[in-house]
N, C-alpha and C. Protein backbone atom coordinates (compact mmCIF):
# COMPACT_ATOMS: atom_id res chain seq x y z
N MET A 1 18.05 -11.52 -20.76
CA MET A 1 17.21 -12.67 -20.98
C MET A 1 17.97 -13.61 -21.90
N GLU A 2 18.11 -14.86 -21.47
CA GLU A 2 18.88 -15.86 -22.20
C GLU A 2 17.95 -16.82 -22.96
N SER A 3 18.53 -17.65 -23.81
CA SER A 3 17.76 -18.64 -24.57
C SER A 3 16.95 -19.54 -23.67
N GLU A 4 17.49 -19.86 -22.49
CA GLU A 4 16.78 -20.75 -21.57
C GLU A 4 15.47 -20.14 -21.05
N HIS A 5 15.30 -18.84 -21.24
CA HIS A 5 14.09 -18.15 -20.80
C HIS A 5 13.08 -17.95 -21.94
N SER A 6 13.38 -18.48 -23.10
CA SER A 6 12.54 -18.22 -24.28
C SER A 6 11.38 -19.21 -24.40
N ALA A 7 10.37 -18.80 -25.14
CA ALA A 7 9.22 -19.66 -25.40
C ALA A 7 9.64 -20.92 -26.17
N GLU A 8 10.72 -20.82 -26.92
CA GLU A 8 11.21 -21.98 -27.66
C GLU A 8 11.54 -23.14 -26.70
N ARG A 9 12.07 -22.82 -25.55
CA ARG A 9 12.40 -23.84 -24.55
C ARG A 9 11.17 -24.61 -24.10
N PHE A 10 10.02 -23.97 -24.17
CA PHE A 10 8.77 -24.58 -23.73
C PHE A 10 8.00 -25.22 -24.89
N GLY A 11 8.72 -25.50 -26.00
CA GLY A 11 8.11 -26.22 -27.11
C GLY A 11 7.52 -25.37 -28.20
N ASN A 12 7.67 -24.05 -28.11
CA ASN A 12 7.14 -23.16 -29.12
C ASN A 12 8.26 -22.86 -30.13
N ALA A 13 8.46 -23.80 -31.04
CA ALA A 13 9.60 -23.77 -31.97
C ALA A 13 9.72 -22.45 -32.72
N GLY A 14 10.93 -21.89 -32.68
CA GLY A 14 11.23 -20.66 -33.41
C GLY A 14 10.85 -19.38 -32.71
N VAL A 15 10.16 -19.46 -31.59
CA VAL A 15 9.71 -18.27 -30.88
C VAL A 15 10.75 -17.94 -29.80
N ARG A 16 11.74 -17.15 -30.17
CA ARG A 16 12.86 -16.82 -29.29
C ARG A 16 12.63 -15.49 -28.59
N VAL A 17 11.56 -15.48 -27.81
CA VAL A 17 11.21 -14.32 -26.98
C VAL A 17 10.92 -14.81 -25.57
N LEU A 18 10.90 -13.89 -24.62
CA LEU A 18 10.65 -14.21 -23.23
C LEU A 18 9.34 -15.00 -23.08
N ALA A 19 9.44 -16.15 -22.42
CA ALA A 19 8.28 -17.02 -22.22
C ALA A 19 7.44 -16.57 -21.04
N THR A 20 6.14 -16.68 -21.17
CA THR A 20 5.23 -16.32 -20.09
C THR A 20 5.48 -17.14 -18.82
N PRO A 21 5.76 -18.45 -18.90
CA PRO A 21 6.05 -19.17 -17.65
C PRO A 21 7.26 -18.62 -16.89
N ILE A 22 8.23 -18.09 -17.61
CA ILE A 22 9.39 -17.48 -16.96
C ILE A 22 8.96 -16.20 -16.24
N LEU A 23 8.11 -15.41 -16.86
CA LEU A 23 7.59 -14.21 -16.19
C LEU A 23 6.85 -14.59 -14.91
N CYS A 24 6.06 -15.64 -14.96
CA CYS A 24 5.36 -16.10 -13.75
C CYS A 24 6.36 -16.40 -12.64
N HIS A 25 7.40 -17.13 -12.99
CA HIS A 25 8.44 -17.46 -12.01
C HIS A 25 9.10 -16.20 -11.46
N TRP A 26 9.47 -15.31 -12.35
CA TRP A 26 10.14 -14.08 -11.91
C TRP A 26 9.23 -13.23 -11.05
N PHE A 27 7.93 -13.15 -11.36
CA PHE A 27 7.00 -12.37 -10.54
C PHE A 27 6.87 -12.96 -9.14
N GLU A 28 6.80 -14.28 -9.05
CA GLU A 28 6.74 -14.91 -7.73
C GLU A 28 8.03 -14.67 -6.96
N TRP A 29 9.15 -14.81 -7.64
CA TRP A 29 10.46 -14.64 -6.99
C TRP A 29 10.62 -13.21 -6.47
N ALA A 30 10.26 -12.23 -7.29
CA ALA A 30 10.38 -10.82 -6.88
C ALA A 30 9.49 -10.53 -5.67
N SER A 31 8.31 -11.11 -5.64
CA SER A 31 7.40 -10.92 -4.51
C SER A 31 7.97 -11.56 -3.25
N LEU A 32 8.51 -12.75 -3.39
CA LEU A 32 9.15 -13.42 -2.27
C LEU A 32 10.28 -12.56 -1.70
N LEU A 33 11.12 -12.04 -2.58
CA LEU A 33 12.25 -11.21 -2.14
C LEU A 33 11.78 -9.91 -1.49
N ALA A 34 10.65 -9.38 -1.93
CA ALA A 34 10.15 -8.12 -1.40
C ALA A 34 9.82 -8.20 0.09
N VAL A 35 9.51 -9.40 0.57
CA VAL A 35 9.14 -9.54 1.98
C VAL A 35 10.11 -10.40 2.79
N ALA A 36 11.06 -11.02 2.15
CA ALA A 36 11.95 -11.99 2.82
C ALA A 36 12.63 -11.42 4.06
N ASP A 37 13.07 -10.19 4.01
CA ASP A 37 13.78 -9.59 5.15
C ASP A 37 12.85 -9.26 6.32
N HIS A 38 11.55 -9.36 6.11
CA HIS A 38 10.58 -9.01 7.16
C HIS A 38 9.99 -10.24 7.85
N LEU A 39 10.40 -11.43 7.42
CA LEU A 39 9.86 -12.65 8.00
C LEU A 39 10.58 -12.99 9.30
N GLU A 40 9.84 -13.54 10.23
CA GLU A 40 10.41 -14.02 11.49
C GLU A 40 11.02 -15.40 11.24
N PRO A 41 11.97 -15.82 12.08
CA PRO A 41 12.50 -17.18 11.94
C PRO A 41 11.37 -18.20 12.00
N GLY A 42 11.39 -19.15 11.08
CA GLY A 42 10.35 -20.18 11.02
C GLY A 42 9.15 -19.81 10.17
N GLU A 43 9.13 -18.59 9.65
CA GLU A 43 8.04 -18.18 8.76
C GLU A 43 8.47 -18.29 7.31
N ALA A 44 7.51 -18.48 6.43
CA ALA A 44 7.73 -18.49 4.99
C ALA A 44 6.47 -17.96 4.33
N THR A 45 6.56 -17.68 3.05
CA THR A 45 5.36 -17.32 2.30
C THR A 45 5.18 -18.32 1.16
N VAL A 46 3.93 -18.55 0.81
CA VAL A 46 3.61 -19.44 -0.30
C VAL A 46 2.68 -18.70 -1.26
N GLY A 47 2.93 -18.88 -2.54
CA GLY A 47 2.10 -18.24 -3.55
C GLY A 47 0.76 -18.94 -3.68
N THR A 48 -0.31 -18.16 -3.81
CA THR A 48 -1.65 -18.73 -3.94
C THR A 48 -2.41 -18.23 -5.16
N ARG A 49 -1.97 -17.12 -5.72
CA ARG A 49 -2.68 -16.56 -6.88
C ARG A 49 -1.72 -15.69 -7.67
N LEU A 50 -1.83 -15.77 -9.01
CA LEU A 50 -1.03 -14.94 -9.89
C LEU A 50 -1.85 -14.62 -11.13
N SER A 51 -1.95 -13.36 -11.44
CA SER A 51 -2.66 -12.92 -12.64
C SER A 51 -1.74 -11.97 -13.39
N ILE A 52 -1.44 -12.31 -14.65
CA ILE A 52 -0.54 -11.43 -15.41
C ILE A 52 -1.09 -11.14 -16.80
N GLU A 53 -0.64 -10.02 -17.32
CA GLU A 53 -0.84 -9.66 -18.72
C GLU A 53 0.55 -9.60 -19.34
N HIS A 54 0.80 -10.44 -20.32
CA HIS A 54 2.07 -10.40 -21.06
C HIS A 54 1.81 -9.53 -22.28
N LEU A 55 2.29 -8.30 -22.22
CA LEU A 55 1.89 -7.26 -23.16
C LEU A 55 2.74 -7.18 -24.43
N LYS A 56 4.04 -7.38 -24.29
CA LYS A 56 4.97 -7.19 -25.41
C LYS A 56 6.03 -8.28 -25.41
N ALA A 57 6.54 -8.59 -26.58
CA ALA A 57 7.61 -9.59 -26.71
C ALA A 57 8.97 -8.97 -26.40
N THR A 58 9.81 -9.76 -25.74
CA THR A 58 11.19 -9.36 -25.44
C THR A 58 12.13 -10.36 -26.09
N PRO A 59 13.02 -9.90 -26.99
CA PRO A 59 13.92 -10.82 -27.68
C PRO A 59 15.03 -11.33 -26.77
N VAL A 60 15.53 -12.51 -27.09
CA VAL A 60 16.67 -13.08 -26.38
C VAL A 60 17.81 -12.08 -26.42
N GLY A 61 18.50 -11.90 -25.30
CA GLY A 61 19.63 -10.99 -25.21
C GLY A 61 19.30 -9.65 -24.58
N MET A 62 18.01 -9.30 -24.49
CA MET A 62 17.63 -8.02 -23.90
C MET A 62 17.47 -8.18 -22.38
N LEU A 63 17.89 -7.19 -21.64
CA LEU A 63 17.73 -7.21 -20.18
C LEU A 63 16.28 -6.98 -19.79
N VAL A 64 15.87 -7.65 -18.70
CA VAL A 64 14.52 -7.50 -18.16
C VAL A 64 14.64 -7.17 -16.68
N ARG A 65 13.89 -6.16 -16.25
CA ARG A 65 13.85 -5.77 -14.84
C ARG A 65 12.45 -6.09 -14.30
N VAL A 66 12.40 -6.81 -13.20
CA VAL A 66 11.13 -7.20 -12.59
C VAL A 66 11.01 -6.54 -11.22
N GLU A 67 9.84 -6.00 -10.94
CA GLU A 67 9.59 -5.33 -9.66
C GLU A 67 8.31 -5.85 -9.03
N ALA A 68 8.33 -5.98 -7.72
CA ALA A 68 7.15 -6.36 -6.96
C ALA A 68 6.97 -5.36 -5.83
N GLU A 69 5.75 -4.92 -5.64
CA GLU A 69 5.44 -3.97 -4.57
C GLU A 69 4.30 -4.52 -3.73
N VAL A 70 4.48 -4.51 -2.42
CA VAL A 70 3.40 -4.92 -1.51
C VAL A 70 2.31 -3.86 -1.56
N THR A 71 1.07 -4.29 -1.82
CA THR A 71 -0.05 -3.34 -1.88
C THR A 71 -1.03 -3.52 -0.73
N ALA A 72 -0.99 -4.68 -0.08
CA ALA A 72 -1.90 -4.92 1.05
C ALA A 72 -1.35 -6.04 1.92
N VAL A 73 -1.59 -5.88 3.21
CA VAL A 73 -1.31 -6.94 4.18
C VAL A 73 -2.58 -7.07 5.00
N GLU A 74 -3.24 -8.22 4.86
CA GLU A 74 -4.49 -8.47 5.57
C GLU A 74 -4.34 -9.78 6.32
N GLY A 75 -3.97 -9.69 7.59
CA GLY A 75 -3.69 -10.90 8.36
C GLY A 75 -2.49 -11.61 7.76
N ARG A 76 -2.67 -12.85 7.33
CA ARG A 76 -1.59 -13.62 6.73
C ARG A 76 -1.51 -13.43 5.21
N ARG A 77 -2.46 -12.73 4.62
CA ARG A 77 -2.51 -12.53 3.17
C ARG A 77 -1.69 -11.30 2.76
N LEU A 78 -0.81 -11.50 1.78
CA LEU A 78 0.03 -10.42 1.25
C LEU A 78 -0.33 -10.25 -0.22
N ALA A 79 -0.62 -9.02 -0.62
CA ALA A 79 -0.95 -8.73 -2.02
C ALA A 79 0.16 -7.88 -2.64
N PHE A 80 0.43 -8.12 -3.91
CA PHE A 80 1.50 -7.43 -4.63
C PHE A 80 1.02 -6.97 -6.00
N THR A 81 1.61 -5.88 -6.48
CA THR A 81 1.55 -5.58 -7.91
C THR A 81 2.94 -5.93 -8.44
N VAL A 82 2.97 -6.43 -9.67
CA VAL A 82 4.22 -6.85 -10.28
C VAL A 82 4.31 -6.27 -11.69
N GLU A 83 5.53 -5.95 -12.08
CA GLU A 83 5.77 -5.42 -13.43
C GLU A 83 7.10 -5.93 -13.95
N ALA A 84 7.17 -6.08 -15.26
CA ALA A 84 8.42 -6.42 -15.93
C ALA A 84 8.63 -5.42 -17.07
N HIS A 85 9.85 -4.89 -17.13
CA HIS A 85 10.23 -3.93 -18.17
C HIS A 85 11.46 -4.49 -18.88
N ASP A 86 11.46 -4.45 -20.21
CA ASP A 86 12.71 -4.74 -20.91
C ASP A 86 13.41 -3.42 -21.15
N GLU A 87 14.42 -3.41 -21.96
CA GLU A 87 15.19 -2.18 -22.17
C GLU A 87 14.40 -1.11 -22.92
N ALA A 88 13.25 -1.49 -23.48
CA ALA A 88 12.47 -0.54 -24.28
C ALA A 88 11.15 -0.13 -23.63
N GLU A 89 10.50 -1.05 -22.89
CA GLU A 89 9.13 -0.74 -22.47
C GLU A 89 8.63 -1.72 -21.41
N LEU A 90 7.44 -1.42 -20.89
CA LEU A 90 6.72 -2.33 -20.01
C LEU A 90 6.29 -3.53 -20.84
N VAL A 91 6.66 -4.74 -20.38
CA VAL A 91 6.32 -5.94 -21.16
C VAL A 91 5.29 -6.83 -20.48
N ALA A 92 5.13 -6.67 -19.16
CA ALA A 92 4.14 -7.46 -18.44
C ALA A 92 3.80 -6.78 -17.13
N ARG A 93 2.58 -7.06 -16.65
CA ARG A 93 2.15 -6.53 -15.36
C ARG A 93 1.12 -7.48 -14.78
N GLY A 94 0.90 -7.35 -13.50
CA GLY A 94 -0.10 -8.21 -12.89
C GLY A 94 -0.20 -8.04 -11.40
N THR A 95 -0.87 -9.01 -10.79
CA THR A 95 -1.03 -9.04 -9.34
C THR A 95 -0.65 -10.43 -8.85
N HIS A 96 -0.21 -10.48 -7.62
CA HIS A 96 0.20 -11.74 -7.02
C HIS A 96 -0.26 -11.74 -5.57
N GLU A 97 -0.55 -12.94 -5.06
CA GLU A 97 -0.96 -13.10 -3.67
C GLU A 97 -0.12 -14.20 -3.04
N ARG A 98 0.34 -13.94 -1.84
CA ARG A 98 1.09 -14.93 -1.07
C ARG A 98 0.48 -14.98 0.33
N PHE A 99 0.66 -16.11 1.00
CA PHE A 99 0.20 -16.24 2.38
C PHE A 99 1.38 -16.56 3.27
N LEU A 100 1.38 -15.94 4.42
CA LEU A 100 2.39 -16.17 5.44
C LEU A 100 2.05 -17.47 6.17
N VAL A 101 3.04 -18.35 6.29
CA VAL A 101 2.80 -19.64 6.96
C VAL A 101 3.89 -19.90 7.99
N ASP A 102 3.53 -20.68 8.99
CA ASP A 102 4.50 -21.24 9.90
C ASP A 102 5.08 -22.44 9.16
N LEU A 103 6.34 -22.37 8.81
CA LEU A 103 6.94 -23.37 7.93
C LEU A 103 6.86 -24.78 8.51
N ARG A 104 7.14 -24.93 9.78
CA ARG A 104 7.10 -26.26 10.39
C ARG A 104 5.70 -26.86 10.31
N ARG A 105 4.69 -26.08 10.65
CA ARG A 105 3.30 -26.55 10.61
C ARG A 105 2.87 -26.83 9.17
N PHE A 106 3.26 -25.96 8.25
CA PHE A 106 2.93 -26.14 6.84
C PHE A 106 3.51 -27.45 6.30
N LEU A 107 4.80 -27.69 6.57
CA LEU A 107 5.44 -28.91 6.07
C LEU A 107 4.87 -30.16 6.73
N LYS A 108 4.48 -30.05 7.99
CA LYS A 108 3.85 -31.18 8.68
C LYS A 108 2.53 -31.55 7.99
N ALA A 109 1.76 -30.55 7.60
CA ALA A 109 0.49 -30.80 6.91
C ALA A 109 0.73 -31.42 5.54
N VAL A 110 1.76 -30.97 4.85
CA VAL A 110 2.10 -31.55 3.54
C VAL A 110 2.53 -33.01 3.72
N GLU A 111 3.35 -33.27 4.73
CA GLU A 111 3.80 -34.63 4.98
C GLU A 111 2.62 -35.55 5.31
N ALA A 112 1.69 -35.07 6.13
CA ALA A 112 0.51 -35.87 6.47
C ALA A 112 -0.31 -36.20 5.23
N LYS A 113 -0.37 -35.27 4.32
CA LYS A 113 -1.12 -35.49 3.08
C LYS A 113 -0.46 -36.58 2.24
N THR A 114 0.85 -36.59 2.16
CA THR A 114 1.54 -37.61 1.35
C THR A 114 1.43 -38.97 1.99
N VAL A 115 1.40 -39.03 3.32
CA VAL A 115 1.28 -40.32 4.02
C VAL A 115 -0.11 -40.91 3.79
N THR A 116 -1.14 -40.07 3.84
CA THR A 116 -2.52 -40.57 3.69
C THR A 116 -2.86 -40.90 2.24
N SER A 117 -2.18 -40.29 1.28
CA SER A 117 -2.49 -40.57 -0.13
C SER A 117 -1.66 -41.71 -0.69
N GLY A 118 -0.60 -42.13 0.01
CA GLY A 118 0.31 -43.16 -0.50
C GLY A 118 -0.05 -44.47 0.04
């Protein structure tokens, strides 16, 4: 874990420990990677829900390992449990939800939204 991952970077002066927003990013990334090899061409997943408990502080310089495990597949909904461990202990845990989308159709809907709002 580097300085760029610390709470200090997010405006919390002097707090040189792993920032919760970084954990959120890492949990989403780990979940994405957990299913990436199983997607068909043209498919993607998008995050829709994330719930975490940031349990312990991790100092700058300590390694952090993040894991995501698929716990349910219900149609297009994918559910995950996520955990982060530093070199000493479990530092965060939670759940994450992603939805499988047809990327072309998804981006078309996003584009239509920007055209109608602009």
